């Protein structure tokens, strides 16, 4: 009896094993799909709560367009954003021009800029001061105190420093003291409170704070606006699957202010629309960083 049942038992075992494999094959893609997550971050050029608020509707939109979960992951500083993307801990990052250049150099050219706001093709920085400070031009900063944003900020440090050097002003030698606030809104607060004589920040944040009446332009004024330069972009690692990169790019390019969803997202991103970009657009930023001795 036992000899007769052994083949049957083996046959049943084979059927069961085959069934389990087939089930695993069906469940595998579903599980893989369920586990797919697009991890997103941004350089902390504004407060964490503001960055999270700005990203929320964009995150929901990308989930719908890509069919994957989108996870917002804040970072502590600009350097952390660079390292996270270079080491593939983050899939999509909002970089300034300088942080993109740093990431691109750090990765050996493996960071790819997908899109930028139309406004980022001609971005600018502003220098601000108290209205009664007596400062009206860059040369008046000699012997004064000045706050930049983050040391790795394009619009809050690199380009303002570059334009100061072009005006024959060495921030490290000609100013009484320079400091770094860490974020654009913090720079405005430092000037408003009298902690520093002047500050440099990106024009987009300045205009937002003015529009929201979070800064009194009768007491704090812009005394110099820089010429335009390329700045922010959304970047990914070159190893991201090509199909995913294309879906991401298409999702950003499809955003339109004529729809309620598109208008909400674009308004929060302070964008008219998103346009394609390429590494070559940031050659000027790289040159400015090298000339200022800031690219290591």
Protein backbone atom coordinates (compact mmCIF):
# COMPACT_ATOMS: atom_id res chain seq x y z
CA UNK A 1 0.00 0.00 0.00
CA UNK A 2 2.68 2.42 0.97
CA UNK A 3 4.57 1.81 -2.26
CA UNK A 4 1.43 2.56 -4.24
CA UNK A 5 0.80 5.84 -2.44
CA UNK A 6 4.33 7.23 -2.68
CA UNK A 7 4.02 8.29 -6.36
CA UNK A 8 0.62 9.80 -5.67
CA UNK A 9 2.05 11.76 -2.71
CA UNK A 10 4.91 13.02 -4.83
CA UNK A 11 2.47 13.99 -7.58
CA UNK A 12 0.32 15.87 -5.10
CA UNK A 13 3.39 17.61 -3.71
CA UNK A 14 4.35 18.65 -7.22
CA UNK A 15 0.87 20.01 -7.90
CA UNK A 16 0.87 21.93 -4.62
CA UNK A 17 4.34 23.30 -5.27
CA UNK A 18 3.37 24.36 -8.80
CA UNK A 19 0.23 26.02 -7.46
CA UNK A 20 2.23 27.95 -4.87
CA UNK A 21 4.70 29.11 -7.51
CA UNK A 22 1.87 30.20 -9.79
CA UNK A 23 0.22 32.06 -6.93
CA UNK A 24 3.47 33.73 -6.06
CA UNK A 25 3.89 34.70 -9.67
CA UNK A 26 0.49 36.36 -9.68
CA UNK A 27 0.97 38.03 -6.31
CA UNK A 28 4.54 39.15 -6.98
CA UNK A 29 3.76 42.01 -9.39
CA UNK A 30 0.87 43.13 -7.21
CA UNK A 31 3.08 43.18 -4.14
CA UNK A 32 5.87 44.92 -6.02
CA UNK A 33 3.39 47.50 -7.27
CA UNK A 34 2.03 48.03 -3.76
CA UNK A 35 5.54 48.58 -2.44
CA UNK A 36 6.52 51.12 -5.09
CA UNK A 37 7.21 54.50 -3.53
CA UNK A 38 8.46 57.71 -5.09
CA UNK A 39 10.55 59.39 -2.39
CA UNK A 40 10.68 63.17 -2.77
CA UNK A 41 12.57 65.95 -1.01
CA UNK A 42 13.53 69.59 -1.46
CA UNK A 43 16.35 71.82 -0.32
CA UNK A 44 15.15 73.49 2.91
CA UNK A 45 15.14 77.05 1.56
CA UNK A 46 11.98 77.80 3.54
CA UNK A 47 10.55 76.55 6.83
CA UNK A 48 9.70 72.81 7.02
CA UNK A 49 5.98 73.51 7.48
CA UNK A 50 5.91 75.75 4.39
CA UNK A 51 7.74 73.18 2.25
CA UNK A 52 5.34 70.45 3.34
CA UNK A 53 2.31 72.67 2.65
CA UNK A 54 3.61 73.53 -0.82
CA UNK A 55 4.26 69.90 -1.73
CA UNK A 56 1.02 68.28 -0.50
CA UNK A 57 -1.18 68.84 -3.60
CA UNK A 58 1.75 68.14 -5.94
CA UNK A 59 2.32 64.84 -4.14
CA UNK A 60 -1.32 63.83 -4.58
CA UNK A 61 -1.14 64.76 -8.26
CA UNK A 62 2.02 62.71 -8.87
CA UNK A 63 0.47 59.70 -7.11
CA UNK A 64 -2.44 59.85 -9.51
CA UNK A 65 -0.29 60.38 -12.61
CA UNK A 66 2.34 57.73 -11.83
CA UNK A 67 0.15 55.21 -10.01
CA UNK A 68 2.58 54.89 -7.09
CA UNK A 69 2.73 56.14 -3.53
CA UNK A 70 4.54 59.45 -3.16
CA UNK A 71 6.39 60.01 0.10
CA UNK A 72 7.60 63.44 1.24
CA UNK A 73 10.94 63.22 3.07
CA UNK A 74 12.28 66.48 4.56
CA UNK A 75 16.03 66.94 4.99
CA UNK A 76 17.94 68.96 7.56
CA UNK A 77 20.08 71.01 5.18
CA UNK A 78 21.15 71.50 1.56
CA UNK A 79 24.06 69.05 1.82
CA UNK A 80 21.71 66.33 3.05
CA UNK A 81 19.51 66.79 -0.03
CA UNK A 82 22.53 66.38 -2.29
CA UNK A 83 23.76 63.24 -0.53
CA UNK A 84 20.29 61.67 -0.44
CA UNK A 85 19.88 61.87 -4.22
CA UNK A 86 23.48 60.91 -5.02
CA UNK A 87 23.12 57.81 -2.81
CA UNK A 88 19.66 56.97 -4.21
CA UNK A 89 17.91 57.43 -0.87
CA UNK A 90 15.63 59.93 -2.64
CA UNK A 91 14.12 59.57 -6.12
CA UNK A 92 13.09 63.14 -6.92
CA UNK A 93 14.52 66.36 -5.49
CA UNK A 94 13.82 70.06 -5.79
CA UNK A 95 17.28 71.58 -6.17
CA UNK A 96 18.58 75.08 -6.56
CA UNK A 97 21.00 75.58 -9.44
CA UNK A 98 24.02 75.33 -7.14
CA UNK A 99 22.83 72.22 -5.30
CA UNK A 100 22.13 70.60 -8.68
CA UNK A 101 25.69 71.40 -9.76
CA UNK A 102 27.06 70.03 -6.47
CA UNK A 103 25.02 66.82 -6.86
CA UNK A 104 26.02 66.46 -10.49
CA UNK A 105 29.73 66.85 -9.69
CA UNK A 106 29.49 64.65 -6.59
CA UNK A 107 27.83 61.85 -8.61
CA UNK A 108 30.12 62.03 -11.63
CA UNK A 109 27.40 63.46 -13.84
CA UNK A 110 24.69 61.00 -12.76
CA UNK A 111 22.09 63.55 -11.61
CA UNK A 112 19.61 64.58 -14.31
CA UNK A 113 17.50 67.77 -14.22
CA UNK A 114 14.04 67.00 -15.62
CA UNK A 115 12.04 70.24 -15.49
CA UNK A 116 12.20 73.75 -14.13
CA UNK A 117 9.67 76.51 -13.73
CA UNK A 118 9.51 78.93 -16.62
CA UNK A 119 10.56 81.56 -14.07
CA UNK A 120 13.80 79.66 -13.37
CA UNK A 121 15.12 80.45 -16.84
CA UNK A 122 15.52 84.08 -15.70
CA UNK A 123 15.73 83.93 -11.93
CA UNK A 124 17.03 86.79 -9.77
CA UNK A 125 18.12 87.60 -6.24
CA UNK A 126 17.41 90.73 -4.24
CA UNK A 127 19.46 92.58 -1.62
CA UNK A 128 17.34 94.09 1.14
CA UNK A 129 17.94 96.49 4.02
CA UNK A 130 16.03 98.58 6.52
CA UNK A 131 14.58 101.66 4.84
CA UNK A 132 16.48 103.99 7.20
CA UNK A 133 19.85 102.22 6.93
CA UNK A 134 21.31 104.62 4.38
CA UNK A 135 22.24 101.69 2.12
CA UNK A 136 21.17 102.28 -1.46
CA UNK A 137 23.75 100.42 -3.59
CA UNK A 138 26.09 97.45 -3.28
CA UNK A 139 29.10 99.67 -2.57
CA UNK A 140 27.34 100.92 0.57
CA UNK A 141 27.68 97.45 2.09
CA UNK A 142 31.38 97.98 2.82
CA UNK A 143 31.89 97.88 6.57
CA UNK A 144 28.33 96.60 7.14
CA UNK A 145 26.87 93.26 8.27
CA UNK A 146 25.16 91.00 5.73
CA UNK A 147 23.17 87.77 5.95
CA UNK A 148 23.12 85.20 3.18
CA UNK A 149 20.74 82.22 3.28
CA UNK A 150 22.30 78.75 3.22
CA UNK A 151 25.95 78.45 2.20
CA UNK A 152 24.78 76.08 -0.58
CA UNK A 153 21.97 78.34 -1.80
CA UNK A 154 22.15 79.58 -5.39
CA UNK A 155 19.93 82.63 -4.96
CA UNK A 156 20.70 83.20 -1.28
CA UNK A 157 24.49 82.97 -1.44
CA UNK A 158 26.33 81.89 -4.60
CA UNK A 159 24.86 84.38 -7.07
CA UNK A 160 24.67 87.32 -4.60
CA UNK A 161 28.33 86.66 -3.73
CA UNK A 162 29.17 86.46 -7.43
CA UNK A 163 27.56 89.83 -8.15
CA UNK A 164 29.29 91.39 -5.14
CA UNK A 165 32.65 90.17 -6.44
CA UNK A 166 31.77 91.57 -9.88
CA UNK A 167 31.19 94.94 -8.17
CA UNK A 168 34.72 94.69 -6.65
CA UNK A 169 33.35 93.91 -3.18
CA UNK A 170 34.87 90.95 -1.35
CA UNK A 171 32.28 89.88 1.24
CA UNK A 172 34.93 88.24 3.43
CA UNK A 173 37.26 91.25 3.46
CA UNK A 174 35.15 94.36 2.81
CA UNK A 175 32.15 93.66 5.05
CA UNK A 176 32.19 93.90 8.81
CA UNK A 177 30.60 90.47 9.15
CA UNK A 178 28.70 87.93 7.04
CA UNK A 179 26.37 85.30 8.44
CA UNK A 180 24.15 82.51 7.10
CA UNK A 181 20.50 82.41 8.15
CA UNK A 182 19.83 78.99 6.59
CA UNK A 183 16.69 80.02 4.66
CA UNK A 184 15.32 82.95 2.67
CA UNK A 185 12.49 83.81 5.06
CA UNK A 186 14.98 83.72 7.94
CA UNK A 187 17.13 86.27 6.09
CA UNK A 188 14.18 88.65 5.89
CA UNK A 189 13.55 88.17 9.61
CA UNK A 190 17.21 88.95 10.38
CA UNK A 191 17.05 92.22 8.47
CA UNK A 192 13.62 93.17 9.85
CA UNK A 193 14.77 92.64 13.42
CA UNK A 194 17.96 94.64 12.94
CA UNK A 195 20.29 91.68 13.52
CA UNK A 196 22.08 92.53 10.26
CA UNK A 197 22.31 95.63 8.09
CA UNK A 198 21.36 93.82 4.89
CA UNK A 199 20.45 90.44 3.45
CA UNK A 200 20.36 88.57 0.14
CA UNK A 201 17.59 86.18 -0.88
CA UNK A 202 15.68 84.89 -3.86
CA UNK A 203 13.18 87.21 -5.46
CA UNK A 204 10.39 84.61 -5.46
CA UNK A 205 10.31 84.26 -1.67
CA UNK A 206 10.60 88.03 -1.25
CA UNK A 207 7.61 88.66 -3.53
CA UNK A 208 5.59 85.96 -1.75
CA UNK A 209 6.28 87.48 1.67
CA UNK A 210 5.33 90.93 0.37
CA UNK A 211 2.11 89.60 -1.19
CA UNK A 212 1.19 87.84 2.06
CA UNK A 213 1.98 91.04 4.02
CA UNK A 214 4.57 89.20 6.10
CA UNK A 215 7.08 91.97 5.50
CA UNK A 216 6.49 95.72 5.74
CA UNK A 217 8.00 97.36 2.65
CA UNK A 218 7.87 100.74 4.35
CA UNK A 219 10.51 99.53 6.80
CA UNK A 220 12.40 96.95 4.71
CA UNK A 221 13.30 97.72 1.10
CA UNK A 222 15.03 96.16 -1.90
CA UNK A 223 18.08 98.19 -2.87
CA UNK A 224 19.58 95.92 -5.55
CA UNK A 225 18.16 93.27 -7.88
CA UNK A 226 20.62 91.01 -9.70
CA UNK A 227 20.69 90.27 -13.43
CA UNK A 228 18.91 87.00 -14.35
CA UNK A 229 20.38 83.50 -14.17
CA UNK A 230 19.17 79.87 -14.30
CA UNK A 231 18.12 78.42 -10.96
CA UNK A 232 15.81 75.74 -9.50
CA UNK A 233 14.88 72.38 -11.04
CA UNK A 234 13.40 68.98 -10.25
CA UNK A 235 16.18 66.38 -10.54
CA UNK A 236 16.46 62.58 -10.49
CA UNK A 237 19.29 60.03 -10.53
CA UNK A 238 20.27 58.81 -14.01
CA UNK A 239 19.66 55.21 -12.89
CA UNK A 240 15.91 55.83 -12.54
CA UNK A 241 14.10 53.73 -15.19
CA UNK A 242 13.65 55.72 -18.41
CA UNK A 243 9.88 55.10 -18.44
CA UNK A 244 9.54 56.55 -14.93
CA UNK A 245 11.59 59.62 -15.87
CA UNK A 246 9.39 60.22 -18.88
CA UNK A 247 6.19 59.83 -16.84
CA UNK A 248 7.49 62.28 -14.27
CA UNK A 249 8.48 64.84 -16.87
CA UNK A 250 5.15 64.48 -18.67
CA UNK A 251 3.24 64.95 -15.40
CA UNK A 252 5.02 68.24 -14.67
CA UNK A 253 4.69 69.51 -18.24
CA UNK A 254 0.95 68.72 -18.24
CA UNK A 255 0.24 71.01 -15.29
CA UNK A 256 -1.92 73.88 -16.45
CA UNK A 257 -3.33 76.84 -14.55
CA UNK A 258 -6.63 76.52 -16.46
CA UNK A 259 -7.65 73.60 -14.21
CA UNK A 260 -8.37 74.00 -10.47
CA UNK A 261 -5.83 71.30 -9.60
CA UNK A 262 -3.17 72.75 -11.87
CA UNK A 263 -3.73 76.28 -10.61
CA UNK A 264 -3.42 75.22 -6.96
CA UNK A 265 -0.16 73.36 -7.59
CA UNK A 266 1.41 76.02 -9.81
CA UNK A 267 0.43 78.82 -7.41
CA UNK A 268 2.03 77.00 -4.48
CA UNK A 269 5.14 76.31 -6.55
CA UNK A 270 5.15 79.97 -7.61
CA UNK A 271 5.25 78.85 -11.24
CA UNK A 272 3.54 79.92 -14.44
CA UNK A 273 4.29 76.48 -15.87
CA UNK A 274 7.02 73.85 -15.93
CA UNK A 275 9.37 73.51 -18.93
CA UNK A 276 12.04 70.94 -19.85
CA UNK A 277 15.61 71.66 -18.76
CA UNK A 278 19.10 70.21 -19.26
CA UNK A 279 22.48 70.14 -17.47
CA UNK A 280 23.97 72.68 -19.88
CA UNK A 281 21.63 75.36 -18.53
CA UNK A 282 23.62 75.36 -15.28
CA UNK A 283 27.10 75.85 -16.77
CA UNK A 284 26.99 79.50 -15.66
CA UNK A 285 26.16 78.47 -12.09
CA UNK A 286 29.07 76.01 -12.11
CA UNK A 287 31.45 78.68 -13.40
CA UNK A 288 30.27 81.16 -10.73
CA UNK A 289 30.79 78.55 -8.01
CA UNK A 290 34.28 77.77 -9.26
CA UNK A 291 35.19 81.46 -9.50
CA UNK A 292 33.94 82.03 -5.94
CA UNK A 293 35.88 79.01 -4.66
CA UNK A 294 32.66 77.35 -3.46
CA UNK A 295 32.71 74.17 -5.55
CA UNK A 296 34.69 71.36 -3.93
